[in-house]
N, C-alpha and C. Protein backbone atom coordinates (compact mmCIF):
# COMPACT_ATOMS: atom_id res chain seq x y z
N MET A 1 207.79 -268.40 -9.60
CA MET A 1 208.79 -268.85 -8.57
C MET A 1 210.22 -268.60 -9.47
N PRO A 2 210.28 -268.53 -10.71
CA PRO A 2 211.38 -267.57 -11.21
C PRO A 2 211.35 -266.08 -11.00
N VAL A 3 210.31 -265.18 -11.04
CA VAL A 3 210.30 -263.88 -10.67
C VAL A 3 210.51 -263.59 -9.45
N ILE A 4 210.26 -264.44 -8.59
CA ILE A 4 211.02 -263.89 -7.34
C ILE A 4 212.25 -264.26 -6.97
N ARG A 5 212.96 -265.55 -7.68
CA ARG A 5 214.30 -265.56 -7.35
C ARG A 5 214.84 -264.26 -8.43
N PHE A 6 214.54 -264.00 -9.44
CA PHE A 6 215.18 -262.95 -10.10
C PHE A 6 215.04 -261.36 -9.61
N LEU A 7 214.42 -261.25 -8.50
CA LEU A 7 213.88 -260.28 -7.90
C LEU A 7 215.06 -260.52 -6.27
N LEU A 8 214.83 -261.54 -6.39
CA LEU A 8 215.83 -261.86 -5.00
C LEU A 8 217.20 -261.31 -5.31
N ILE A 9 217.70 -262.25 -6.21
CA ILE A 9 219.14 -261.83 -6.85
C ILE A 9 219.73 -260.23 -7.19
N LEU A 10 218.56 -259.71 -8.01
CA LEU A 10 218.63 -258.27 -8.44
C LEU A 10 218.71 -257.44 -6.98
N THR A 11 218.22 -257.66 -6.09
CA THR A 11 218.32 -256.94 -4.81
C THR A 11 219.83 -256.70 -4.11
N ILE A 12 219.72 -258.45 -4.15
CA ILE A 12 221.03 -258.76 -3.62
C ILE A 12 222.18 -258.26 -4.18
N MET A 13 222.51 -258.44 -5.68
CA MET A 13 223.39 -257.56 -6.23
C MET A 13 223.71 -255.93 -6.42
N LEU A 14 222.38 -255.41 -6.04
CA LEU A 14 222.37 -253.79 -6.34
C LEU A 14 222.70 -253.53 -4.78
N THR A 15 222.46 -254.28 -3.51
CA THR A 15 222.93 -253.63 -2.19
C THR A 15 224.59 -254.27 -2.05
N THR A 16 224.72 -255.20 -2.71
CA THR A 16 226.42 -255.55 -2.63
C THR A 16 227.14 -255.27 -2.92
N VAL A 17 226.67 -255.03 -4.80
CA VAL A 17 227.87 -255.09 -5.86
C VAL A 17 228.58 -254.14 -5.47
N SER A 18 227.67 -252.78 -5.46
CA SER A 18 228.71 -251.47 -5.39
C SER A 18 227.92 -250.49 -4.65
N PRO A 19 228.94 -249.72 -4.01
CA PRO A 19 227.99 -248.79 -2.98
C PRO A 19 227.67 -247.62 -3.76
N ALA A 20 228.16 -247.05 -5.18
CA ALA A 20 227.54 -246.42 -5.79
C ALA A 20 226.12 -246.42 -6.19
N LEU A 21 225.77 -247.48 -6.29
CA LEU A 21 224.37 -247.51 -6.63
C LEU A 21 223.74 -248.23 -5.59
N ALA A 22 224.07 -248.24 -4.30
CA ALA A 22 223.48 -248.62 -3.25
C ALA A 22 222.91 -247.04 -2.51
N ASN A 23 223.96 -246.48 -2.77
CA ASN A 23 223.32 -244.80 -2.35
C ASN A 23 222.43 -244.22 -3.13
N PRO A 24 222.11 -244.15 -4.41
CA PRO A 24 220.61 -243.89 -5.05
C PRO A 24 219.78 -244.57 -4.43
N LEU A 25 219.65 -245.60 -3.93
CA LEU A 25 218.52 -246.35 -3.40
C LEU A 25 218.11 -245.81 -1.87
N ALA A 26 219.44 -245.53 -1.39
CA ALA A 26 219.29 -245.18 0.51
C ALA A 26 218.76 -243.81 0.15
N ALA A 27 218.93 -243.20 -0.67
CA ALA A 27 218.62 -241.78 -1.19
C ALA A 27 216.81 -241.90 -1.25
N ILE A 28 216.97 -242.94 -2.18
CA ILE A 28 215.19 -242.59 -2.24
C ILE A 28 214.41 -243.44 -1.30
N TRP A 29 214.94 -244.33 -0.70
CA TRP A 29 214.19 -244.64 0.40
C TRP A 29 214.12 -243.45 1.82
N GLN A 30 215.03 -242.94 2.04
CA GLN A 30 215.15 -241.61 2.70
C GLN A 30 213.90 -240.71 2.19
N ASP A 31 214.06 -240.50 0.93
CA ASP A 31 212.63 -239.55 -0.02
C ASP A 31 211.54 -240.21 0.71
N PHE A 32 211.16 -241.46 0.64
CA PHE A 32 210.04 -242.04 0.40
C PHE A 32 209.46 -241.72 2.04
N ASN A 33 210.81 -242.13 2.89
CA ASN A 33 210.43 -242.33 4.42
C ASN A 33 209.80 -240.65 5.25
N LYS A 34 210.68 -239.76 4.45
CA LYS A 34 210.28 -238.31 4.71
C LYS A 34 209.27 -237.74 4.34
N SER A 35 208.91 -238.33 3.03
CA SER A 35 207.22 -237.90 2.58
C SER A 35 206.46 -238.61 3.24
N TYR A 36 206.44 -239.74 3.63
CA TYR A 36 205.55 -240.59 4.41
C TYR A 36 205.45 -240.25 5.81
N HIS A 37 206.50 -239.54 6.66
CA HIS A 37 206.19 -239.21 8.02
C HIS A 37 205.83 -237.69 7.77
N ARG A 38 206.02 -236.73 6.82
CA ARG A 38 205.53 -235.32 6.10
C ARG A 38 203.68 -235.65 6.10
N ASN A 39 203.40 -236.86 5.22
CA ASN A 39 201.82 -236.58 5.00
C ASN A 39 201.29 -237.27 6.41
N ARG A 40 201.99 -238.25 7.33
CA ARG A 40 201.18 -238.45 8.25
C ARG A 40 201.23 -237.52 9.41
N CYS A 41 201.94 -236.53 9.26
CA CYS A 41 201.21 -235.64 10.55
C CYS A 41 200.88 -234.37 10.02
N TRP A 42 201.07 -234.33 8.35
CA TRP A 42 200.35 -232.98 8.22
C TRP A 42 198.70 -232.65 8.87
N PRO A 43 198.39 -231.94 9.06
CA PRO A 43 198.29 -230.36 9.24
C PRO A 43 199.14 -229.70 10.21
N HIS A 44 199.65 -230.30 11.03
CA HIS A 44 200.08 -230.11 12.39
C HIS A 44 201.35 -229.64 12.01
N PRO A 45 202.25 -229.37 11.04
CA PRO A 45 203.33 -228.38 11.10
C PRO A 45 202.85 -226.56 10.52
N PHE A 46 201.98 -226.97 10.33
CA PHE A 46 201.26 -225.71 9.47
C PHE A 46 200.29 -224.90 9.95
N ILE A 47 199.76 -225.68 11.06
CA ILE A 47 198.89 -224.97 11.80
C ILE A 47 199.36 -223.45 12.81
N GLU A 48 200.66 -223.34 13.11
CA GLU A 48 200.75 -222.01 13.90
C GLU A 48 200.88 -221.05 12.76
N ALA A 49 201.56 -221.75 12.05
CA ALA A 49 201.60 -220.00 10.67
C ALA A 49 200.19 -219.80 9.82
N ASP A 50 199.55 -220.83 10.32
CA ASP A 50 197.85 -220.15 9.28
C ASP A 50 197.36 -219.38 10.54
N ASN A 51 197.27 -219.98 11.90
CA ASN A 51 197.04 -219.24 12.99
C ASN A 51 197.78 -217.20 13.04
N MET A 52 198.84 -217.63 12.92
CA MET A 52 199.42 -216.04 12.79
C MET A 52 198.92 -215.13 11.97
N ALA A 53 198.92 -216.12 10.73
CA ALA A 53 198.23 -215.05 9.64
C ALA A 53 196.67 -214.57 9.61
N VAL A 54 195.60 -215.62 10.36
CA VAL A 54 194.46 -214.77 10.71
C VAL A 54 194.55 -213.88 11.60
N ARG A 55 195.73 -213.84 12.72
CA ARG A 55 195.74 -213.17 14.08
C ARG A 55 196.35 -211.53 13.51
N ALA A 56 197.13 -211.79 12.67
CA ALA A 56 197.92 -210.26 11.96
C ALA A 56 196.90 -209.25 11.85
N PRO A 57 195.75 -209.49 10.66
CA PRO A 57 195.07 -208.02 10.89
C PRO A 57 194.38 -207.36 12.01
N PHE A 58 194.04 -208.31 13.03
CA PHE A 58 193.19 -207.98 14.50
C PHE A 58 194.67 -207.04 14.99
N ALA A 59 196.17 -207.30 15.10
CA ALA A 59 196.82 -206.78 15.81
C ALA A 59 196.77 -205.38 15.33
N THR A 60 196.44 -205.09 13.82
CA THR A 60 196.64 -203.72 13.06
C THR A 60 195.24 -203.34 13.82
N MET A 61 194.30 -203.66 13.53
CA MET A 61 193.00 -203.03 13.91
C MET A 61 193.28 -202.61 15.42
N ILE A 62 193.71 -203.20 16.15
CA ILE A 62 193.89 -202.67 17.52
C ILE A 62 194.62 -201.75 17.61
N HIS A 63 196.08 -201.78 16.80
CA HIS A 63 196.90 -200.72 17.10
C HIS A 63 196.32 -199.42 16.34
N ASN A 64 195.07 -199.22 15.19
CA ASN A 64 194.68 -198.03 14.69
C ASN A 64 193.45 -197.78 15.93
N GLY A 65 192.67 -198.51 16.16
CA GLY A 65 191.74 -198.50 17.51
C GLY A 65 192.46 -197.58 18.41
N TRP A 66 193.54 -198.09 18.98
CA TRP A 66 194.26 -197.28 20.02
C TRP A 66 194.67 -195.67 19.48
N ARG A 67 195.40 -195.83 18.60
CA ARG A 67 195.74 -194.52 17.75
C ARG A 67 194.67 -193.60 17.49
N LEU A 68 193.02 -194.15 17.12
CA LEU A 68 192.42 -193.01 17.54
C LEU A 68 191.83 -192.58 18.68
N GLN A 69 192.08 -193.47 19.81
CA GLN A 69 192.02 -193.28 20.65
C GLN A 69 192.79 -191.77 21.56
N ASN A 70 193.91 -191.93 21.52
CA ASN A 70 195.03 -191.10 21.56
C ASN A 70 195.20 -190.16 21.25
N ILE A 71 194.73 -190.08 19.87
CA ILE A 71 194.70 -188.68 19.37
C ILE A 71 194.41 -187.52 20.01
N ILE A 72 195.47 -186.25 19.78
CA ILE A 72 195.34 -185.05 19.84
C ILE A 72 194.64 -184.24 18.85
N SER A 73 193.43 -184.09 18.54
CA SER A 73 193.06 -183.61 17.14
C SER A 73 193.05 -181.71 17.24
N SER A 74 192.13 -181.27 15.97
CA SER A 74 192.21 -179.78 16.44
C SER A 74 191.28 -179.15 17.34
N TYR A 75 190.05 -179.88 17.65
CA TYR A 75 189.49 -179.29 18.81
C TYR A 75 189.81 -179.54 20.05
N HIS A 76 191.24 -180.13 20.01
CA HIS A 76 191.83 -180.18 21.89
C HIS A 76 192.95 -178.79 21.88
N PHE A 77 192.95 -177.98 20.48
CA PHE A 77 193.59 -176.90 20.58
C PHE A 77 192.78 -175.55 20.99
N GLU A 78 193.29 -174.31 21.42
CA GLU A 78 192.78 -173.30 21.41
C GLU A 78 192.35 -173.16 19.82
N ARG A 79 191.46 -172.24 19.63
CA ARG A 79 191.04 -171.85 18.24
C ARG A 79 192.23 -171.15 17.81
N ASP A 80 192.30 -171.52 16.50
CA ASP A 80 193.44 -170.52 15.69
C ASP A 80 194.75 -170.49 16.85
N SER A 81 195.32 -171.31 17.38
CA SER A 81 196.51 -170.94 18.11
C SER A 81 196.94 -172.71 18.40
N SER A 82 197.91 -173.09 18.91
CA SER A 82 198.41 -174.28 19.40
C SER A 82 198.61 -174.26 20.85
N ILE A 83 197.93 -173.72 21.50
CA ILE A 83 197.62 -173.93 23.20
C ILE A 83 196.60 -174.95 23.16
N VAL A 84 197.01 -175.67 24.24
CA VAL A 84 195.92 -177.28 24.48
C VAL A 84 194.94 -176.59 25.64
N ASN A 85 193.96 -176.72 25.13
CA ASN A 85 193.00 -176.60 25.93
C ASN A 85 192.32 -177.22 26.97
N GLU A 86 191.85 -177.08 27.89
CA GLU A 86 191.56 -178.00 28.77
C GLU A 86 191.09 -179.27 28.57
N SER A 87 190.13 -179.49 27.58
CA SER A 87 189.95 -180.84 26.69
C SER A 87 190.98 -181.39 26.32
N GLY A 88 192.02 -180.95 25.75
CA GLY A 88 193.44 -181.85 25.44
C GLY A 88 194.08 -181.89 26.67
N ARG A 89 194.08 -181.51 27.75
CA ARG A 89 194.82 -181.47 28.88
C ARG A 89 194.23 -182.68 29.31
N ARG A 90 193.17 -182.81 30.09
CA ARG A 90 192.33 -184.12 30.19
C ARG A 90 192.36 -185.10 29.23
N HIS A 91 192.48 -185.09 28.16
CA HIS A 91 192.98 -186.27 27.07
C HIS A 91 194.38 -186.83 27.42
N ILE A 92 195.21 -185.95 27.25
CA ILE A 92 196.59 -186.18 27.74
C ILE A 92 196.85 -186.73 28.94
N HIS A 93 196.24 -186.29 29.93
CA HIS A 93 196.06 -186.89 31.53
C HIS A 93 195.69 -188.68 31.32
N TRP A 94 194.64 -188.46 30.72
CA TRP A 94 193.83 -189.87 30.89
C TRP A 94 195.26 -190.71 29.96
N VAL A 95 195.48 -190.30 29.03
CA VAL A 95 196.29 -191.61 28.08
C VAL A 95 197.61 -191.34 28.77
N LEU A 96 198.02 -190.65 29.58
CA LEU A 96 199.49 -190.71 30.27
C LEU A 96 199.17 -191.67 31.68
N THR A 97 198.03 -191.58 31.97
CA THR A 97 197.80 -191.99 33.29
C THR A 97 196.76 -193.65 33.30
N GLN A 98 195.48 -193.53 32.54
CA GLN A 98 194.92 -194.75 32.70
C GLN A 98 195.15 -195.65 30.96
N ALA A 99 195.70 -195.52 30.08
CA ALA A 99 195.84 -195.83 29.29
C ALA A 99 196.66 -197.08 29.62
N PRO A 100 196.77 -198.56 29.33
CA PRO A 100 197.35 -199.48 29.42
C PRO A 100 198.75 -199.02 29.25
N MET A 101 199.47 -199.66 29.83
CA MET A 101 201.37 -199.37 29.69
C MET A 101 201.92 -198.80 28.55
N ASN A 102 201.93 -200.12 27.51
CA ASN A 102 202.02 -199.89 26.34
C ASN A 102 201.24 -199.34 25.10
N ARG A 103 200.50 -198.70 25.34
CA ARG A 103 199.12 -197.47 25.03
C ARG A 103 199.41 -196.37 25.17
N ARG A 104 200.44 -195.86 25.52
CA ARG A 104 200.50 -194.61 26.17
C ARG A 104 201.31 -193.42 25.14
N THR A 105 200.89 -193.77 24.02
CA THR A 105 201.51 -193.15 22.84
C THR A 105 200.59 -191.89 23.10
N ILE A 106 201.22 -190.66 22.87
CA ILE A 106 200.13 -189.65 22.31
C ILE A 106 200.51 -189.47 20.69
N TYR A 107 199.06 -189.57 19.86
CA TYR A 107 198.91 -188.86 18.70
C TYR A 107 199.02 -187.26 18.51
N ILE A 108 199.31 -186.97 17.41
CA ILE A 108 199.02 -185.05 17.06
C ILE A 108 198.34 -185.27 15.33
N GLU A 109 197.53 -184.84 15.63
CA GLU A 109 196.90 -184.65 14.21
C GLU A 109 197.64 -183.80 13.56
N ARG A 110 197.74 -183.84 12.35
CA ARG A 110 198.77 -182.83 11.43
C ARG A 110 198.03 -181.76 11.25
N GLY A 111 198.59 -180.49 11.34
CA GLY A 111 198.00 -179.04 11.05
C GLY A 111 197.81 -179.14 10.22
N VAL A 112 197.51 -177.73 9.13
CA VAL A 112 197.29 -177.69 7.60
C VAL A 112 198.94 -177.02 7.29
N THR A 113 199.62 -176.84 8.05
CA THR A 113 201.36 -176.38 7.66
C THR A 113 201.85 -177.29 8.21
N GLU A 114 203.21 -177.47 8.10
CA GLU A 114 204.50 -177.98 8.47
C GLU A 114 204.43 -177.53 10.66
N ARG A 115 204.62 -176.02 10.31
CA ARG A 115 204.42 -174.87 10.94
C ARG A 115 204.06 -175.04 12.32
N GLU A 116 202.34 -175.35 12.05
CA GLU A 116 201.32 -175.19 13.24
C GLU A 116 201.48 -176.73 13.42
N THR A 117 202.25 -178.12 12.40
CA THR A 117 202.12 -179.21 13.34
C THR A 117 203.15 -178.90 14.23
N ALA A 118 204.15 -178.56 13.98
CA ALA A 118 205.68 -178.41 14.70
C ALA A 118 204.96 -177.67 16.11
N SER A 119 204.21 -176.58 16.17
CA SER A 119 204.25 -176.26 17.33
C SER A 119 202.95 -176.73 18.15
N ARG A 120 202.02 -177.57 17.30
CA ARG A 120 201.28 -178.42 18.19
C ARG A 120 202.18 -179.38 19.17
N TYR A 121 203.05 -180.00 18.16
CA TYR A 121 203.78 -181.07 18.65
C TYR A 121 204.65 -180.53 20.18
N GLU A 122 205.20 -179.56 20.02
CA GLU A 122 205.79 -178.75 21.31
C GLU A 122 204.84 -178.24 22.48
N ALA A 123 203.81 -177.70 21.85
CA ALA A 123 202.68 -177.60 22.89
C ALA A 123 202.17 -178.83 24.07
N VAL A 124 202.27 -179.99 23.05
CA VAL A 124 201.62 -181.23 23.17
C VAL A 124 202.62 -181.60 24.08
N ARG A 125 203.90 -181.93 23.98
CA ARG A 125 204.87 -182.48 24.38
C ARG A 125 205.37 -181.65 25.87
N ARG A 126 205.05 -180.25 26.38
CA ARG A 126 205.23 -179.45 27.41
C ARG A 126 204.12 -180.13 28.33
N VAL A 127 203.07 -180.33 27.91
CA VAL A 127 201.60 -180.93 28.55
C VAL A 127 201.99 -182.10 29.23
N ALA A 128 202.31 -182.95 28.27
CA ALA A 128 202.50 -184.36 28.56
C ALA A 128 203.86 -184.57 29.39
N GLU A 129 204.71 -183.78 29.58
CA GLU A 129 205.82 -183.63 30.63
C GLU A 129 205.45 -183.32 31.87
N GLN A 130 204.64 -182.66 31.90
CA GLN A 130 203.85 -182.28 33.07
C GLN A 130 203.22 -183.36 33.85
N TYR A 131 202.37 -184.17 33.02
CA TYR A 131 201.74 -185.22 33.80
C TYR A 131 202.01 -186.60 34.08
N ALA A 132 203.28 -186.61 33.01
CA ALA A 132 204.07 -188.18 33.07
C ALA A 132 204.71 -188.32 34.40
N ALA A 133 204.61 -189.69 35.02
CA ALA A 133 205.17 -189.87 36.16
C ALA A 133 207.13 -189.91 36.01
N LYS A 134 207.73 -189.55 36.94
CA LYS A 134 209.16 -189.61 36.78
C LYS A 134 209.76 -190.60 36.70
N GLY A 135 210.23 -190.24 35.62
CA GLY A 135 211.03 -191.59 34.84
C GLY A 135 210.69 -192.29 33.83
N GLN A 136 209.10 -191.63 33.60
CA GLN A 136 208.11 -192.64 32.21
C GLN A 136 208.47 -191.54 30.85
N PRO A 137 209.17 -191.92 30.08
CA PRO A 137 209.37 -191.33 28.72
C PRO A 137 208.06 -191.00 28.07
N VAL A 138 208.04 -190.15 27.56
CA VAL A 138 206.68 -189.21 27.07
C VAL A 138 206.96 -189.66 25.57
N ASP A 139 205.64 -190.44 24.89
CA ASP A 139 206.26 -190.66 23.43
C ASP A 139 204.92 -189.87 22.66
N VAL A 140 205.31 -189.19 21.89
CA VAL A 140 204.42 -188.44 21.31
C VAL A 140 204.79 -188.11 19.82
N GLN A 141 203.85 -188.58 18.97
CA GLN A 141 204.09 -188.79 17.49
C GLN A 141 202.64 -188.16 16.79
N ILE A 142 203.05 -187.84 15.59
CA ILE A 142 202.74 -186.85 14.92
C ILE A 142 201.67 -188.09 13.60
N SER A 143 200.61 -187.86 13.41
CA SER A 143 199.78 -188.70 12.98
C SER A 143 198.81 -188.27 11.92
N HIS A 144 198.83 -189.39 10.46
CA HIS A 144 198.26 -188.45 9.52
C HIS A 144 196.85 -188.77 9.65
N VAL A 145 195.99 -189.61 10.81
CA VAL A 145 194.83 -189.92 11.08
C VAL A 145 194.20 -188.76 11.46
N THR A 146 192.82 -188.43 11.27
CA THR A 146 191.77 -187.14 11.50
C THR A 146 191.07 -188.18 12.44
N ALA A 147 191.03 -187.50 13.44
CA ALA A 147 190.16 -188.04 14.58
C ALA A 147 188.76 -187.56 14.10
N ARG A 148 188.05 -188.55 14.66
CA ARG A 148 186.08 -188.46 14.44
C ARG A 148 186.02 -187.99 15.78
N GLY A 149 184.76 -187.26 15.68
CA GLY A 149 184.46 -186.43 16.67
C GLY A 149 184.07 -185.17 16.70
N TRP A 150 183.58 -184.34 17.46
CA TRP A 150 183.74 -182.82 17.60
C TRP A 150 184.32 -182.68 18.91
N PRO A 151 184.28 -181.23 19.27
CA PRO A 151 184.65 -180.13 20.27
C PRO A 151 183.71 -180.50 21.44
N ALA A 152 184.04 -180.95 22.64
CA ALA A 152 183.21 -180.87 23.60
C ALA A 152 182.06 -179.57 24.01
N ASP A 153 182.39 -178.56 23.78
CA ASP A 153 181.24 -177.77 23.44
C ASP A 153 180.19 -177.97 22.76
N TYR A 154 180.40 -178.57 21.70
CA TYR A 154 179.37 -178.81 20.63
C TYR A 154 178.73 -179.82 21.42
N ALA A 155 179.29 -180.83 22.09
CA ALA A 155 178.61 -182.17 22.30
C ALA A 155 177.89 -181.58 23.79
N ASP A 156 178.64 -180.86 24.63
CA ASP A 156 177.80 -180.06 25.91
C ASP A 156 176.29 -179.56 25.46
N ALA A 157 176.78 -178.52 24.29
CA ALA A 157 175.19 -177.82 23.86
C ALA A 157 174.16 -178.83 23.73
N VAL A 158 174.54 -179.91 22.65
CA VAL A 158 173.50 -180.90 22.13
C VAL A 158 173.32 -181.88 23.28
N ASN A 159 173.80 -182.16 24.33
CA ASN A 159 173.25 -183.11 25.45
C ASN A 159 172.31 -182.19 26.24
N SER A 160 172.78 -180.68 26.42
CA SER A 160 171.88 -179.62 27.53
C SER A 160 170.54 -179.47 26.59
N LYS A 161 170.38 -179.37 24.93
CA LYS A 161 169.34 -179.00 24.30
C LYS A 161 168.40 -180.10 24.90
N PHE A 162 169.28 -181.26 24.61
CA PHE A 162 168.30 -182.80 24.85
C PHE A 162 167.32 -182.73 25.93
N HIS A 163 167.89 -182.12 27.11
CA HIS A 163 167.71 -182.18 28.56
C HIS A 163 166.65 -181.20 28.51
N GLU A 164 166.52 -180.04 27.81
CA GLU A 164 165.80 -179.25 27.75
C GLU A 164 164.31 -179.04 27.51
N SER A 165 164.27 -180.16 26.43
CA SER A 165 163.42 -180.46 25.59
C SER A 165 162.48 -181.38 25.90
N THR A 166 163.23 -182.46 26.74
CA THR A 166 162.58 -183.46 27.75
C THR A 166 161.20 -182.90 28.25
N PRO A 167 160.09 -183.67 28.00
CA PRO A 167 158.74 -183.18 28.78
C PRO A 167 158.83 -183.80 30.27
N GLU A 168 157.90 -182.82 31.08
CA GLU A 168 157.83 -183.54 32.61
C GLU A 168 157.77 -184.79 32.59
N PRO A 169 157.79 -185.78 33.33
CA PRO A 169 156.96 -187.10 33.41
C PRO A 169 155.96 -186.80 34.44
N ARG A 170 154.87 -187.08 33.96
CA ARG A 170 153.77 -187.49 34.36
C ARG A 170 152.79 -188.87 34.26
N LEU A 171 152.53 -189.22 35.30
CA LEU A 171 151.16 -190.27 34.79
C LEU A 171 150.13 -190.31 33.84
N PRO A 172 149.99 -191.34 33.17
CA PRO A 172 148.70 -191.32 31.88
C PRO A 172 147.69 -191.23 32.86
N THR A 173 146.44 -190.66 32.17
CA THR A 173 145.39 -190.32 32.49
C THR A 173 144.49 -191.87 32.32
N ASP A 174 143.11 -192.08 33.45
CA ASP A 174 142.69 -193.35 33.29
C ASP A 174 141.89 -193.39 32.06
N SER A 175 142.21 -194.31 31.39
CA SER A 175 141.43 -194.46 29.90
C SER A 175 140.17 -195.43 30.22
N THR A 176 139.98 -196.13 31.13
CA THR A 176 139.34 -197.30 31.05
C THR A 176 137.56 -196.87 31.39
N GLY A 177 137.64 -195.55 31.97
CA GLY A 177 136.49 -194.88 32.43
C GLY A 177 135.59 -194.95 33.82
N PHE A 178 136.77 -196.03 34.36
CA PHE A 178 136.67 -196.52 35.92
C PHE A 178 137.34 -195.19 36.79
N GLU A 179 136.61 -194.95 37.70
CA GLU A 179 137.32 -193.98 38.72
C GLU A 179 138.02 -194.73 40.06
N SER A 180 139.07 -194.07 40.23
CA SER A 180 139.93 -195.20 41.09
C SER A 180 139.70 -194.39 42.21
N GLN A 181 140.09 -195.21 43.36
CA GLN A 181 139.67 -194.64 44.83
C GLN A 181 140.40 -194.81 45.33
């Protein structure tokens, strides 16, 4: 009983005697209250930040995939020149008309020299301006990424050889020994 009386008197003294002593108690209570509520709602305030951190690499991968898809590489130009060939023209046309609106950037693979890169840039820009819709800005950028693939002539030759070497279709002979009627 004396302990309870002592704590009661101490509490009354600390809260009524001086506002200077009451402030630290209020600060301690406020900190305790804030910590309690923070621990009670965990992890909800941090889920969105975690989700954004997980999604960030996917956005980078998607951007890199579109950059590879929209790149105009060395096999889209005539051999030993900066003139865009038919394959390049079709690819530029596809990028400007079929790709999603936010992905209509044309990337150009760097040439061996700065001069070659600049002439490729101008050639692609001229072709792109022919295919772009009125009022649509043409976004052409030089990329350090090298395109994967090979010229369309080579792909066509491989495909043609494959079809030439395919044997004629025929039904198998009857291997059971019975004659069919």
